[in-house]
Amino acid sequence: MNISPFIDIVEDLNRDLSQAERYRRLVLAIQRAIPCDVVALLKLTDGHLLPVAALGLKDEALARRFAVTQHPRLQHILNSSQLTRFNSDSPLPDPYDGLVDDGSEQLHVHDCMGSAIYIDGSPWGVLTLDAMQPGSFDSLNPMETRAYIAAVAAVIKTSRHIEALEARVEHNHQVAQRLLETVAPSEIIGKSPAIQSMRADINTVAPSKLSVLITGETGVGKELVAKSLHQHSQRKNQPLVQINCAALPENIVESELFGHVKGAFSGAVSDRSGRFELADGGTLFLDEVGELPLPVQAKLLRALQYGEIQRVGSDKIIVVDVRIVAATNRDLQQEVRENRFRADLYHRLSVYPLAVPPLREREKDFLLLAGYFLEKSQHQLGVAKLRLQQSAIEQLARYNWPGNVRELEHLLSRAALRAITEQGRETSIVSIDSEHLNLQLTPGVLPVSSSTEITRVQGSSQKPLVTDISCEVNESGLRAATDEYQRQVINRALENEQGNLAAVARALKLDRSNLIRAMRRLGLV
């Protein structure tokens, strides 16, 4: 028996490692102990198996959410108390078809086995192993293999307190009074520096009582950020209540926020609680807050200042304890300057501003998100497997994403339908290529992000931010050329403003936090 992997696993228990690193080192040790091509550790959450560490799978597989009921091999492994091995001619579809990082689009005859991982008598997830050569696992000692599985369970049990702090995705029941329902993923998908920075902001402000103003372009996922703030707050077991300020006529916004009494206006046939009362003890999410009419803004300000509301048609004061999270795609500072938004309300809402980065600033996150959306689509559309061909991936990487994550989801849904129509619903793997995406890319034009908008600083003593705009892409590729262009714009603004970041942000028409995030990504700080 090779004890070296055991030694590594035991020594790692005494190391101060992040959850992701601990799991990565764990699957590495398992691969050394049991030679194979693919090792994956998947965690069971709400009927889905989520990859937490894997070797030998493509990047998009890491964002897949494998519904247990939709993947019979995983279901069989999870429901068995013994190590499960599948015959090379097993008719059960393999969940990793098209996802193995070996250059092929479909798994051929190979060795496959797995084991359920139990912690304190309850299923935690599964460990799967695949070898491309049939018979690779014939010589394994069953006792030794079970010992390695037990070591995996021991590591996971030891690190559960870290997992609970970082993931917080194992809630078995939703709050009964929660009114906000969403089809978006329950966690924020992405590994880019921009998303890591945003996650850090969420973890910083979520446990506090501070009001948060979420800003960002249309489709970036502001609702998901609001949900994450609530889930990581001390109010997570209380209601999260949403109101879309842009979707309500002006004459009923006040009633929706504060409630009304019977007879307060035509149609008020009974007393009705408003969103503030429903959110008492929890979080109120004011989506599209920039659309609120000025008269309602004044009453909202009082509610935020004193925690007191009055139902329409009533003189009775109701005291509520509500944490406010607001979101907008407008520049509220500009709205204040143009007298369309109250300055005092803006400062009350933006105690902690939190900017959501656009998809074009999130590096390869589009690929992880694509994996998530394709996994969801293949079940909704009734096909065995959806995958992206390299030509499609390259086209997605070149696109500027004006509609952000929402546009990506809708784009992939349309492309999947086109590919299914062309290749047939019974095809084992439906491949999406660039023609199915049908993206309109402008030849020779770089996708310029909002963080590098072309503008000039007013004043004859200052140089234009860009003197020679060249969109030629050299051998380093489109993304590198785009980054270099952004560096030039920011460096020229820094020179003009003598390093004053606040002035640079104004010149580039950016929030200061967005500017700093872009500078970090480009290596300028």
Protein backbone atom coordinates (compact mmCIF):
# COMPACT_ATOMS: atom_id res chain seq x y z
CA MET A 1 0.00 0.00 0.00
CA ASN A 2 1.31 3.44 -0.94
CA ILE A 3 1.23 5.42 2.33
CA SER A 4 2.67 8.63 0.87
CA PRO A 5 -0.77 10.06 -0.05
CA PHE A 6 -1.99 9.24 3.47
CA ILE A 7 0.90 11.19 4.95
CA ASP A 8 0.12 14.19 2.73
CA ILE A 9 -3.55 14.11 3.72
CA VAL A 10 -2.77 13.94 7.45
CA GLU A 11 -0.17 16.72 7.22
CA ASP A 12 -2.65 18.94 5.38
CA LEU A 13 -5.02 18.71 8.34
CA ASN A 14 -2.50 20.75 10.33
CA ARG A 15 -2.04 23.38 7.61
CA ASP A 16 -3.92 26.67 7.48
CA LEU A 17 -5.45 26.21 4.03
CA SER A 18 -8.45 27.72 2.33
CA GLN A 19 -11.36 25.40 1.63
CA ALA A 20 -10.66 25.41 -2.11
CA GLU A 21 -6.96 24.65 -1.62
CA ARG A 22 -7.67 21.89 0.93
CA TYR A 23 -10.04 20.14 -1.49
CA ARG A 24 -7.60 20.61 -4.39
CA ARG A 25 -4.78 18.99 -2.46
CA LEU A 26 -7.13 16.22 -1.37
CA VAL A 27 -8.01 15.16 -4.94
CA LEU A 28 -4.32 15.38 -5.88
CA ALA A 29 -3.52 12.93 -3.10
CA ILE A 30 -6.31 10.60 -4.23
CA GLN A 31 -4.99 10.65 -7.81
CA ARG A 32 -1.53 9.69 -6.53
CA ALA A 33 -3.02 6.83 -4.51
CA ILE A 34 -5.37 5.60 -7.26
CA PRO A 35 -3.88 6.39 -10.69
CA CYS A 36 -6.62 7.70 -12.99
CA ASP A 37 -7.36 10.43 -15.53
CA VAL A 38 -10.23 12.23 -13.80
CA VAL A 39 -10.93 12.77 -10.10
CA ALA A 40 -13.86 14.88 -8.94
CA LEU A 41 -15.17 15.74 -5.49
CA LEU A 42 -18.81 16.88 -5.58
CA LYS A 43 -20.87 18.26 -2.73
CA LEU A 44 -24.59 17.54 -2.32
CA THR A 45 -26.73 20.69 -2.02
CA ASP A 46 -30.49 20.79 -2.47
CA GLY A 47 -30.62 17.77 -4.75
CA HIS A 48 -27.64 18.87 -6.87
CA LEU A 49 -24.01 17.77 -6.85
CA LEU A 50 -21.64 20.76 -7.09
CA PRO A 51 -17.97 20.20 -8.04
CA VAL A 52 -15.71 21.60 -5.31
CA ALA A 53 -12.45 20.20 -6.72
CA ALA A 54 -11.60 18.29 -9.89
CA LEU A 55 -8.65 17.12 -11.97
CA GLY A 56 -8.95 16.27 -15.64
CA LEU A 57 -12.20 18.15 -16.35
CA LYS A 58 -12.67 21.28 -18.48
CA ASP A 59 -13.13 24.63 -16.75
CA GLU A 60 -16.81 24.85 -17.62
CA ALA A 61 -17.48 21.64 -15.63
CA LEU A 62 -16.60 23.44 -12.41
CA ALA A 63 -19.70 25.63 -12.71
CA ARG A 64 -22.06 22.76 -13.54
CA ARG A 65 -24.83 21.85 -11.13
CA PHE A 66 -25.52 18.14 -11.60
CA ALA A 67 -29.13 17.38 -10.65
CA VAL A 68 -28.99 13.95 -8.99
CA THR A 69 -32.26 12.83 -10.54
CA GLN A 70 -30.97 13.74 -14.02
CA HIS A 71 -27.69 11.80 -13.76
CA PRO A 72 -28.28 8.09 -13.01
CA ARG A 73 -24.62 7.23 -12.44
CA LEU A 74 -24.26 9.92 -9.78
CA GLN A 75 -27.60 8.89 -8.29
CA HIS A 76 -26.48 5.26 -8.12
CA ILE A 77 -23.20 6.21 -6.43
CA LEU A 78 -24.94 8.48 -3.93
CA ASN A 79 -27.54 5.87 -2.97
CA SER A 80 -25.01 3.08 -2.40
CA SER A 81 -23.13 2.48 0.84
CA GLN A 82 -20.41 0.61 -1.04
CA LEU A 83 -17.82 1.60 -3.60
CA THR A 84 -19.62 1.54 -6.97
CA ARG A 85 -17.91 0.52 -10.19
CA PHE A 86 -19.58 0.65 -13.60
CA ASN A 87 -18.91 -1.86 -16.37
CA SER A 88 -17.23 -0.43 -19.43
CA ASP A 89 -20.36 -1.27 -21.44
CA SER A 90 -22.76 0.26 -18.92
CA PRO A 91 -25.78 1.83 -20.68
CA LEU A 92 -26.04 4.59 -18.06
CA PRO A 93 -24.98 8.00 -19.49
CA ASP A 94 -21.83 9.47 -18.04
CA PRO A 95 -22.25 12.99 -16.53
CA TYR A 96 -18.81 13.98 -17.81
CA ASP A 97 -19.47 13.34 -21.50
CA GLY A 98 -17.93 16.25 -23.40
CA LEU A 99 -16.35 17.64 -20.23
CA VAL A 100 -13.16 15.55 -19.94
CA ASP A 101 -10.12 17.64 -20.79
CA ASP A 102 -8.58 15.15 -23.27
CA GLY A 103 -9.47 16.80 -26.56
CA SER A 104 -12.39 14.49 -27.32
CA GLU A 105 -16.05 15.45 -27.42
CA GLN A 106 -17.43 12.19 -26.02
CA LEU A 107 -16.26 9.64 -23.48
CA HIS A 108 -15.50 6.26 -24.99
CA VAL A 109 -15.21 2.89 -23.25
CA HIS A 110 -13.42 3.50 -19.95
CA ASP A 111 -13.24 2.59 -16.27
CA CYS A 112 -15.53 4.51 -13.93
CA MET A 113 -16.16 4.20 -10.21
CA GLY A 114 -17.24 6.31 -7.28
CA SER A 115 -18.23 6.37 -3.65
CA ALA A 116 -20.67 8.35 -1.55
CA ILE A 117 -19.08 10.44 1.19
CA TYR A 118 -20.91 10.29 4.52
CA ILE A 119 -20.32 12.69 7.39
CA ASP A 120 -21.89 11.77 10.74
CA GLY A 121 -24.25 9.36 9.03
CA SER A 122 -25.53 11.86 6.45
CA PRO A 123 -24.56 12.02 2.76
CA TRP A 124 -22.17 14.91 2.10
CA GLY A 125 -21.44 14.21 -1.56
CA VAL A 126 -19.55 11.84 -3.84
CA LEU A 127 -16.02 11.11 -5.04
CA THR A 128 -15.77 9.92 -8.66
CA LEU A 129 -12.79 8.45 -10.50
CA ASP A 130 -12.45 7.81 -14.24
CA ALA A 131 -9.68 6.15 -16.22
CA MET A 132 -9.73 6.28 -20.00
CA GLN A 133 -8.15 2.80 -20.25
CA PRO A 134 -10.62 -0.06 -19.52
CA GLY A 135 -9.53 -2.33 -16.70
CA SER A 136 -7.43 0.34 -14.97
CA PHE A 137 -9.11 -0.36 -11.63
CA ASP A 138 -8.98 -4.18 -11.84
CA SER A 139 -5.96 -4.51 -9.55
CA LEU A 140 -7.18 -2.17 -6.80
CA ASN A 141 -7.33 -3.56 -3.27
CA PRO A 142 -10.89 -2.93 -2.01
CA MET A 143 -9.73 -2.46 1.60
CA GLU A 144 -7.11 0.11 0.58
CA THR A 145 -9.59 1.96 -1.60
CA ARG A 146 -12.11 2.14 1.25
CA ALA A 147 -9.34 3.47 3.49
CA TYR A 148 -8.69 6.31 1.05
CA ILE A 149 -12.43 7.09 0.93
CA ALA A 150 -12.46 7.20 4.74
CA ALA A 151 -9.53 9.62 4.66
CA VAL A 152 -11.48 11.88 2.33
CA ALA A 153 -14.42 11.87 4.74
CA ALA A 154 -12.11 12.68 7.66
CA VAL A 155 -10.65 15.70 5.87
CA ILE A 156 -14.09 17.00 4.95
CA LYS A 157 -15.40 16.58 8.49
CA THR A 158 -12.39 18.42 9.92
CA SER A 159 -12.85 21.35 7.55
CA ARG A 160 -16.66 21.69 7.82
CA HIS A 161 -16.46 24.75 10.02
CA ILE A 162 -14.40 26.49 7.27
CA GLU A 163 -16.87 25.34 4.65
CA ALA A 164 -19.78 26.75 6.65
CA LEU A 165 -18.13 30.16 6.83
CA GLU A 166 -17.17 30.35 3.15
CA ALA A 167 -20.03 28.65 1.33
CA ARG A 168 -23.18 29.10 3.42
CA VAL A 169 -25.13 27.21 0.81
CA GLU A 170 -26.43 24.34 2.91
CA HIS A 171 -29.66 25.89 4.17
CA ASN A 172 -32.27 23.13 4.17
CA HIS A 173 -35.26 25.40 4.52
CA GLN A 174 -36.10 28.81 3.17
CA VAL A 175 -37.49 31.42 5.50
CA ALA A 176 -41.27 30.87 5.48
CA GLN A 177 -42.01 34.56 5.16
CA ARG A 178 -39.51 35.27 2.39
CA LEU A 179 -41.24 36.91 -0.52
CA LEU A 180 -38.35 37.22 -2.95
CA GLU A 181 -38.16 34.18 -5.22
CA THR A 182 -35.58 34.00 -7.97
CA VAL A 183 -34.44 31.53 -10.60
CA ALA A 184 -30.90 32.88 -10.46
CA PRO A 185 -28.10 30.69 -8.99
CA SER A 186 -27.95 30.85 -5.19
CA GLU A 187 -24.27 31.70 -5.26
CA ILE A 188 -22.20 34.13 -7.29
CA ILE A 189 -20.32 32.31 -10.04
CA GLY A 190 -16.88 33.58 -10.97
CA LYS A 191 -13.18 33.51 -10.13
CA SER A 192 -11.99 36.76 -11.70
CA PRO A 193 -10.25 39.40 -9.56
CA ALA A 194 -13.22 41.72 -10.08
CA ILE A 195 -15.63 39.15 -8.62
CA GLN A 196 -13.23 38.22 -5.81
CA SER A 197 -13.03 41.89 -4.86
CA MET A 198 -16.82 42.18 -4.92
CA ARG A 199 -17.15 39.06 -2.76
CA ALA A 200 -14.76 40.65 -0.27
CA ASP A 201 -16.97 43.75 -0.16
CA ILE A 202 -20.05 41.57 0.42
CA ASN A 203 -18.35 39.68 3.25
CA THR A 204 -17.28 42.98 4.80
CA VAL A 205 -20.62 44.77 4.82
CA ALA A 206 -23.13 41.90 5.02
CA PRO A 207 -22.89 41.28 8.80
CA SER A 208 -23.39 44.98 9.56
CA LYS A 209 -26.60 47.02 9.67
CA LEU A 210 -25.36 49.54 7.10
CA SER A 211 -27.49 50.43 4.11
CA VAL A 212 -25.97 49.24 0.83
CA LEU A 213 -26.37 50.82 -2.60
CA ILE A 214 -25.66 48.30 -5.37
CA THR A 215 -24.71 49.90 -8.67
CA GLY A 216 -24.01 48.38 -12.05
CA GLU A 217 -25.13 48.07 -15.62
CA THR A 218 -28.30 46.29 -16.68
CA GLY A 219 -28.00 42.52 -16.45
CA VAL A 220 -24.92 42.27 -14.20
CA GLY A 221 -26.79 40.48 -11.40
CA LYS A 222 -27.62 43.15 -8.84
CA GLU A 223 -30.52 41.08 -7.46
CA LEU A 224 -28.15 38.17 -6.87
CA VAL A 225 -25.79 40.45 -4.95
CA ALA A 226 -28.71 41.68 -2.80
CA LYS A 227 -29.66 38.08 -2.06
CA SER A 228 -26.06 37.25 -1.15
CA LEU A 229 -25.88 40.25 1.21
CA HIS A 230 -29.01 39.01 2.98
CA GLN A 231 -27.84 35.38 3.17
CA HIS A 232 -24.55 36.44 4.76
CA SER A 233 -26.17 38.85 7.21
CA GLN A 234 -27.38 38.32 10.76
CA ARG A 235 -30.91 38.62 9.34
CA LYS A 236 -30.62 35.59 7.05
CA ASN A 237 -33.41 33.74 8.88
CA GLN A 238 -35.76 36.69 8.49
CA PRO A 239 -37.61 37.79 5.35
CA LEU A 240 -35.94 39.29 2.30
CA VAL A 241 -38.62 41.43 0.66
CA GLN A 242 -38.25 43.02 -2.77
CA ILE A 243 -40.00 45.88 -4.49
CA ASN A 244 -39.26 46.95 -8.06
CA CYS A 245 -39.63 50.71 -7.91
CA ALA A 246 -39.70 51.00 -11.71
CA ALA A 247 -42.58 48.56 -12.18
CA LEU A 248 -45.21 50.37 -10.11
CA PRO A 249 -47.39 53.34 -11.12
CA GLU A 250 -46.64 56.47 -9.11
CA ASN A 251 -50.06 56.48 -7.45
CA ILE A 252 -49.56 53.09 -5.77
CA VAL A 253 -45.85 53.15 -4.89
CA GLU A 254 -46.54 54.68 -1.47
CA SER A 255 -49.17 52.06 -0.68
CA GLU A 256 -46.81 49.25 -1.73
CA LEU A 257 -44.05 50.58 0.50
CA PHE A 258 -46.00 51.60 3.59
CA GLY A 259 -49.38 49.85 3.27
CA HIS A 260 -52.84 51.39 3.56
CA VAL A 261 -56.01 51.23 5.62
CA LYS A 262 -59.49 50.42 4.43
CA GLY A 263 -61.10 53.33 2.60
CA ALA A 264 -57.83 55.26 2.13
CA PHE A 265 -58.52 55.47 -1.61
CA SER A 266 -60.77 53.94 -4.21
CA GLY A 267 -60.17 50.20 -4.26
CA ALA A 268 -58.78 50.02 -0.69
CA VAL A 269 -61.37 47.53 0.53
CA SER A 270 -59.32 46.31 3.49
CA ASP A 271 -56.25 47.09 5.56
CA ARG A 272 -53.02 46.01 3.87
CA SER A 273 -49.44 45.77 5.10
CA GLY A 274 -46.71 47.38 3.03
CA ARG A 275 -43.28 46.01 2.19
CA PHE A 276 -41.67 47.74 5.20
CA GLU A 277 -43.93 45.85 7.60
CA LEU A 278 -43.39 42.55 5.77
CA ALA A 279 -39.63 43.05 6.00
CA ASP A 280 -39.64 43.92 9.70
CA GLY A 281 -36.62 42.21 11.26
CA GLY A 282 -35.22 41.39 7.84
CA THR A 283 -34.05 43.08 4.65
CA LEU A 284 -35.92 45.30 2.19
CA PHE A 285 -34.50 45.30 -1.33
CA LEU A 286 -35.39 48.45 -3.27
CA ASP A 287 -34.67 47.52 -6.87
CA GLU A 288 -34.38 50.36 -9.41
CA VAL A 289 -34.53 52.87 -6.58
CA GLY A 290 -33.59 55.69 -8.95
CA GLU A 291 -37.07 55.49 -10.46
CA LEU A 292 -38.87 56.56 -7.27
CA PRO A 293 -40.95 59.78 -7.60
CA LEU A 294 -39.68 62.74 -5.56
CA PRO A 295 -42.73 62.88 -3.21
CA VAL A 296 -42.23 59.22 -2.29
CA GLN A 297 -38.51 59.81 -1.78
CA ALA A 298 -39.30 62.26 1.03
CA LYS A 299 -41.45 59.71 2.87
CA LEU A 300 -38.88 56.98 2.30
CA LEU A 301 -36.21 59.22 3.84
CA ARG A 302 -38.24 59.58 7.03
CA ALA A 303 -38.68 55.83 7.25
CA LEU A 304 -34.93 55.33 6.94
CA GLN A 305 -34.04 58.06 9.42
CA TYR A 306 -36.42 57.14 12.22
CA GLY A 307 -37.58 53.59 11.46
CA GLU A 308 -41.17 54.87 11.48
CA ILE A 309 -43.85 54.47 8.82
CA GLN A 310 -47.49 55.37 8.41
CA ARG A 311 -49.97 53.48 6.30
CA VAL A 312 -51.74 55.54 3.67
CA GLY A 313 -54.90 56.97 5.26
CA SER A 314 -53.73 56.40 8.84
CA ASP A 315 -52.16 58.66 11.50
CA LYS A 316 -50.82 55.71 13.47
CA ILE A 317 -47.01 55.40 13.54
CA ILE A 318 -45.60 51.91 13.08
CA VAL A 319 -42.02 51.22 14.18
CA VAL A 320 -40.08 48.80 11.98
CA ASP A 321 -36.55 47.35 12.06
CA VAL A 322 -35.50 47.01 8.43
CA ARG A 323 -32.09 46.77 6.78
CA ILE A 324 -32.13 48.57 3.40
CA VAL A 325 -30.39 47.27 0.29
CA ALA A 326 -31.02 49.36 -2.84
CA ALA A 327 -29.96 48.90 -6.46
CA THR A 328 -29.82 51.09 -9.55
CA ASN A 329 -28.25 51.24 -12.99
CA ARG A 330 -28.46 55.03 -12.97
CA ASP A 331 -25.76 57.46 -11.91
CA LEU A 332 -27.53 58.74 -8.79
CA GLN A 333 -24.91 61.42 -8.20
CA GLN A 334 -25.78 62.87 -11.60
CA GLU A 335 -29.48 62.49 -10.78
CA VAL A 336 -28.89 64.52 -7.60
CA ARG A 337 -27.11 67.25 -9.54
CA GLU A 338 -30.04 67.44 -11.94
CA ASN A 339 -32.56 67.54 -9.06
CA ARG A 340 -34.20 64.25 -9.98
CA PHE A 341 -33.09 62.50 -6.79
CA ARG A 342 -32.86 63.85 -3.24
CA ALA A 343 -29.30 64.34 -2.04
CA ASP A 344 -30.18 63.42 1.55
CA LEU A 345 -31.82 60.16 0.44
CA TYR A 346 -28.85 59.32 -1.77
CA HIS A 347 -26.43 59.70 1.15
CA ARG A 348 -28.74 57.68 3.41
CA LEU A 349 -28.88 54.81 0.88
CA SER A 350 -25.22 54.80 -0.13
CA VAL A 351 -23.64 54.36 3.28
CA TYR A 352 -21.76 51.45 1.69
CA PRO A 353 -21.68 51.63 -2.14
CA LEU A 354 -21.08 48.30 -3.84
CA ALA A 355 -20.37 48.19 -7.58
CA VAL A 356 -21.08 45.02 -9.59
CA PRO A 357 -18.51 44.66 -12.40
CA PRO A 358 -19.74 44.24 -15.98
CA LEU A 359 -19.13 40.87 -17.59
CA ARG A 360 -16.48 42.28 -19.96
CA GLU A 361 -14.29 43.06 -16.91
CA ARG A 362 -14.58 39.55 -15.47
CA GLU A 363 -11.96 37.78 -17.60
CA LYS A 364 -12.90 34.08 -18.06
CA ASP A 365 -15.97 34.15 -15.84
CA PHE A 366 -18.12 34.01 -18.97
CA LEU A 367 -17.02 30.39 -19.43
CA LEU A 368 -17.99 29.36 -15.89
CA LEU A 369 -21.33 31.09 -16.28
CA ALA A 370 -21.82 29.38 -19.63
CA GLY A 371 -21.30 26.01 -17.95
CA TYR A 372 -23.96 26.82 -15.39
CA PHE A 373 -26.49 28.04 -17.96
CA LEU A 374 -25.90 25.09 -20.30
CA GLU A 375 -26.40 22.59 -17.49
CA LYS A 376 -29.71 24.24 -16.68
CA SER A 377 -30.76 24.49 -20.31
CA GLN A 378 -30.06 20.88 -21.18
CA HIS A 379 -32.57 19.70 -18.58
CA GLN A 380 -35.14 22.34 -19.50
CA LEU A 381 -34.83 21.50 -23.20
CA GLY A 382 -34.76 17.74 -22.71
CA VAL A 383 -31.38 16.89 -24.24
CA ALA A 384 -28.61 14.67 -22.91
CA LYS A 385 -25.74 17.14 -23.06
CA LEU A 386 -25.00 20.64 -24.32
CA ARG A 387 -21.43 21.75 -24.88
CA LEU A 388 -19.55 24.66 -26.40
CA GLN A 389 -17.14 24.10 -29.27
CA GLN A 390 -13.87 26.01 -29.24
CA SER A 391 -15.07 28.33 -32.01
CA ALA A 392 -18.00 29.38 -29.82
CA ILE A 393 -15.76 29.92 -26.79
CA GLU A 394 -13.43 32.13 -28.82
CA GLN A 395 -16.36 34.19 -30.09
CA LEU A 396 -17.77 34.62 -26.58
CA ALA A 397 -14.34 35.80 -25.42
CA ARG A 398 -14.27 38.52 -28.09
CA TYR A 399 -17.75 39.91 -27.38
CA ASN A 400 -18.26 43.12 -25.38
CA TRP A 401 -21.43 42.00 -23.49
CA PRO A 402 -23.52 45.18 -23.33
CA GLY A 403 -26.32 43.13 -21.72
CA ASN A 404 -23.92 41.35 -19.34
CA VAL A 405 -24.84 38.06 -17.61
CA ARG A 406 -28.51 38.25 -18.59
CA GLU A 407 -27.51 38.62 -22.24
CA LEU A 408 -25.18 35.62 -21.95
CA GLU A 409 -27.98 33.45 -20.56
CA HIS A 410 -30.46 34.45 -23.26
CA LEU A 411 -27.82 34.10 -25.98
CA LEU A 412 -26.99 30.54 -24.91
CA SER A 413 -30.67 29.60 -24.71
CA ARG A 414 -31.21 30.74 -28.31
CA ALA A 415 -28.02 29.04 -29.49
CA ALA A 416 -29.02 25.80 -27.77
CA LEU A 417 -32.38 25.80 -29.56
CA ARG A 418 -30.68 26.38 -32.92
CA ALA A 419 -28.17 23.58 -32.28
CA ILE A 420 -30.90 21.15 -31.14
CA THR A 421 -32.99 21.92 -34.23
CA GLU A 422 -29.97 21.26 -36.45
CA GLN A 423 -28.50 18.19 -34.71
CA GLY A 424 -31.61 16.54 -33.28
CA ARG A 425 -32.90 16.17 -29.73
CA GLU A 426 -31.73 12.54 -29.53
CA THR A 427 -28.07 13.42 -30.17
CA SER A 428 -25.87 12.29 -27.27
CA ILE A 429 -23.99 15.61 -27.24
CA VAL A 430 -25.43 18.74 -28.84
CA SER A 431 -22.51 20.98 -29.77
CA ILE A 432 -22.90 24.76 -29.97
CA ASP A 433 -20.56 26.50 -32.40
CA SER A 434 -20.06 30.12 -33.44
CA GLU A 435 -22.78 29.95 -36.09
CA HIS A 436 -25.38 29.03 -33.48
CA LEU A 437 -24.36 32.01 -31.34
CA ASN A 438 -24.83 34.42 -34.26
CA LEU A 439 -22.96 37.18 -32.45
CA GLN A 440 -22.46 40.42 -34.33
CA LEU A 441 -18.80 41.35 -33.83
CA THR A 442 -17.44 44.50 -35.47
CA PRO A 443 -14.18 43.60 -37.28
CA GLY A 444 -11.12 45.48 -36.08
CA VAL A 445 -12.89 47.25 -33.21
CA LEU A 446 -11.90 46.50 -29.65
CA PRO A 447 -14.65 46.03 -27.03
CA VAL A 448 -14.07 49.15 -24.92
CA SER A 449 -15.30 48.77 -21.35
CA SER A 450 -16.99 51.41 -19.31
CA SER A 451 -13.85 51.65 -17.20
CA THR A 452 -11.96 53.08 -20.17
CA GLU A 453 -14.51 55.30 -21.84
CA ILE A 454 -12.84 57.66 -24.33
CA THR A 455 -13.11 61.17 -23.00
CA ARG A 456 -11.05 64.33 -22.77
CA VAL A 457 -10.21 66.28 -19.66
CA GLN A 458 -11.38 69.85 -20.10
CA GLY A 459 -8.73 72.56 -19.92
CA SER A 460 -6.06 73.64 -22.34
CA SER A 461 -3.24 72.70 -19.98
CA GLN A 462 -4.09 69.03 -20.00
CA LYS A 463 -3.39 66.41 -22.64
CA PRO A 464 -6.17 64.39 -24.25
CA LEU A 465 -6.57 60.98 -22.67
CA VAL A 466 -6.00 59.30 -26.02
CA THR A 467 -3.93 60.83 -28.79
CA ASP A 468 -3.58 57.81 -31.08
CA ILE A 469 -6.46 55.34 -30.94
CA SER A 470 -5.22 52.14 -32.53
CA CYS A 471 -7.41 49.03 -32.60
CA GLU A 472 -4.85 46.80 -34.30
CA VAL A 473 -4.51 43.44 -32.54
CA ASN A 474 -1.01 41.99 -32.54
CA GLU A 475 0.12 38.43 -31.92
CA SER A 476 -0.66 38.74 -28.20
CA GLY A 477 -4.38 38.54 -28.95
CA LEU A 478 -7.49 40.67 -28.53
CA ARG A 479 -7.72 40.58 -24.74
CA ALA A 480 -4.10 41.62 -24.23
CA ALA A 481 -4.53 44.45 -26.74
CA THR A 482 -7.67 45.62 -24.95
CA ASP A 483 -5.89 45.62 -21.59
CA GLU A 484 -2.97 47.58 -23.02
CA TYR A 485 -5.35 50.18 -24.44
CA GLN A 486 -7.02 50.54 -21.04
CA ARG A 487 -3.64 51.02 -19.37
CA GLN A 488 -2.83 53.84 -21.79
CA VAL A 489 -6.09 55.66 -21.07
CA ILE A 490 -5.76 55.36 -17.30
CA ASN A 491 -2.06 56.27 -17.25
CA ARG A 492 -2.73 59.41 -19.31
CA ALA A 493 -5.55 60.40 -16.91
CA LEU A 494 -3.24 59.80 -13.93
CA GLU A 495 -0.65 62.03 -15.56
CA ASN A 496 -3.20 64.77 -16.25
CA GLU A 497 -4.55 64.69 -12.70
CA GLN A 498 -1.15 64.24 -11.00
CA GLY A 499 -2.20 60.94 -9.45
CA ASN A 500 -5.41 62.24 -7.83
CA LEU A 501 -7.68 59.16 -8.06
CA ALA A 502 -10.87 61.07 -7.33
CA ALA A 503 -10.12 63.48 -10.19
CA VAL A 504 -9.19 60.60 -12.49
CA ALA A 505 -12.49 58.86 -11.71
CA ARG A 506 -14.39 62.05 -12.57
CA ALA A 507 -12.46 62.46 -15.81
CA LEU A 508 -13.22 58.91 -16.86
CA LYS A 509 -16.84 59.19 -15.63
CA LEU A 510 -16.35 56.30 -13.21
CA ASP A 511 -17.06 55.50 -9.61
CA ARG A 512 -13.78 55.60 -7.69
CA SER A 513 -14.20 51.96 -6.61
CA ASN A 514 -14.58 50.87 -10.25
CA LEU A 515 -11.43 52.77 -11.18
CA ILE A 516 -9.39 51.13 -8.41
CA ARG A 517 -10.73 47.70 -9.38
CA ALA A 518 -9.72 48.25 -13.01
CA MET A 519 -6.25 49.48 -11.99
CA ARG A 520 -5.71 46.39 -9.84
CA ARG A 521 -6.74 44.11 -12.68
CA LEU A 522 -4.37 45.87 -15.07
CA GLY A 523 -1.45 45.85 -12.63
CA LEU A 524 -1.33 49.63 -12.20
CA VAL A 525 -1.48 49.48 -8.38
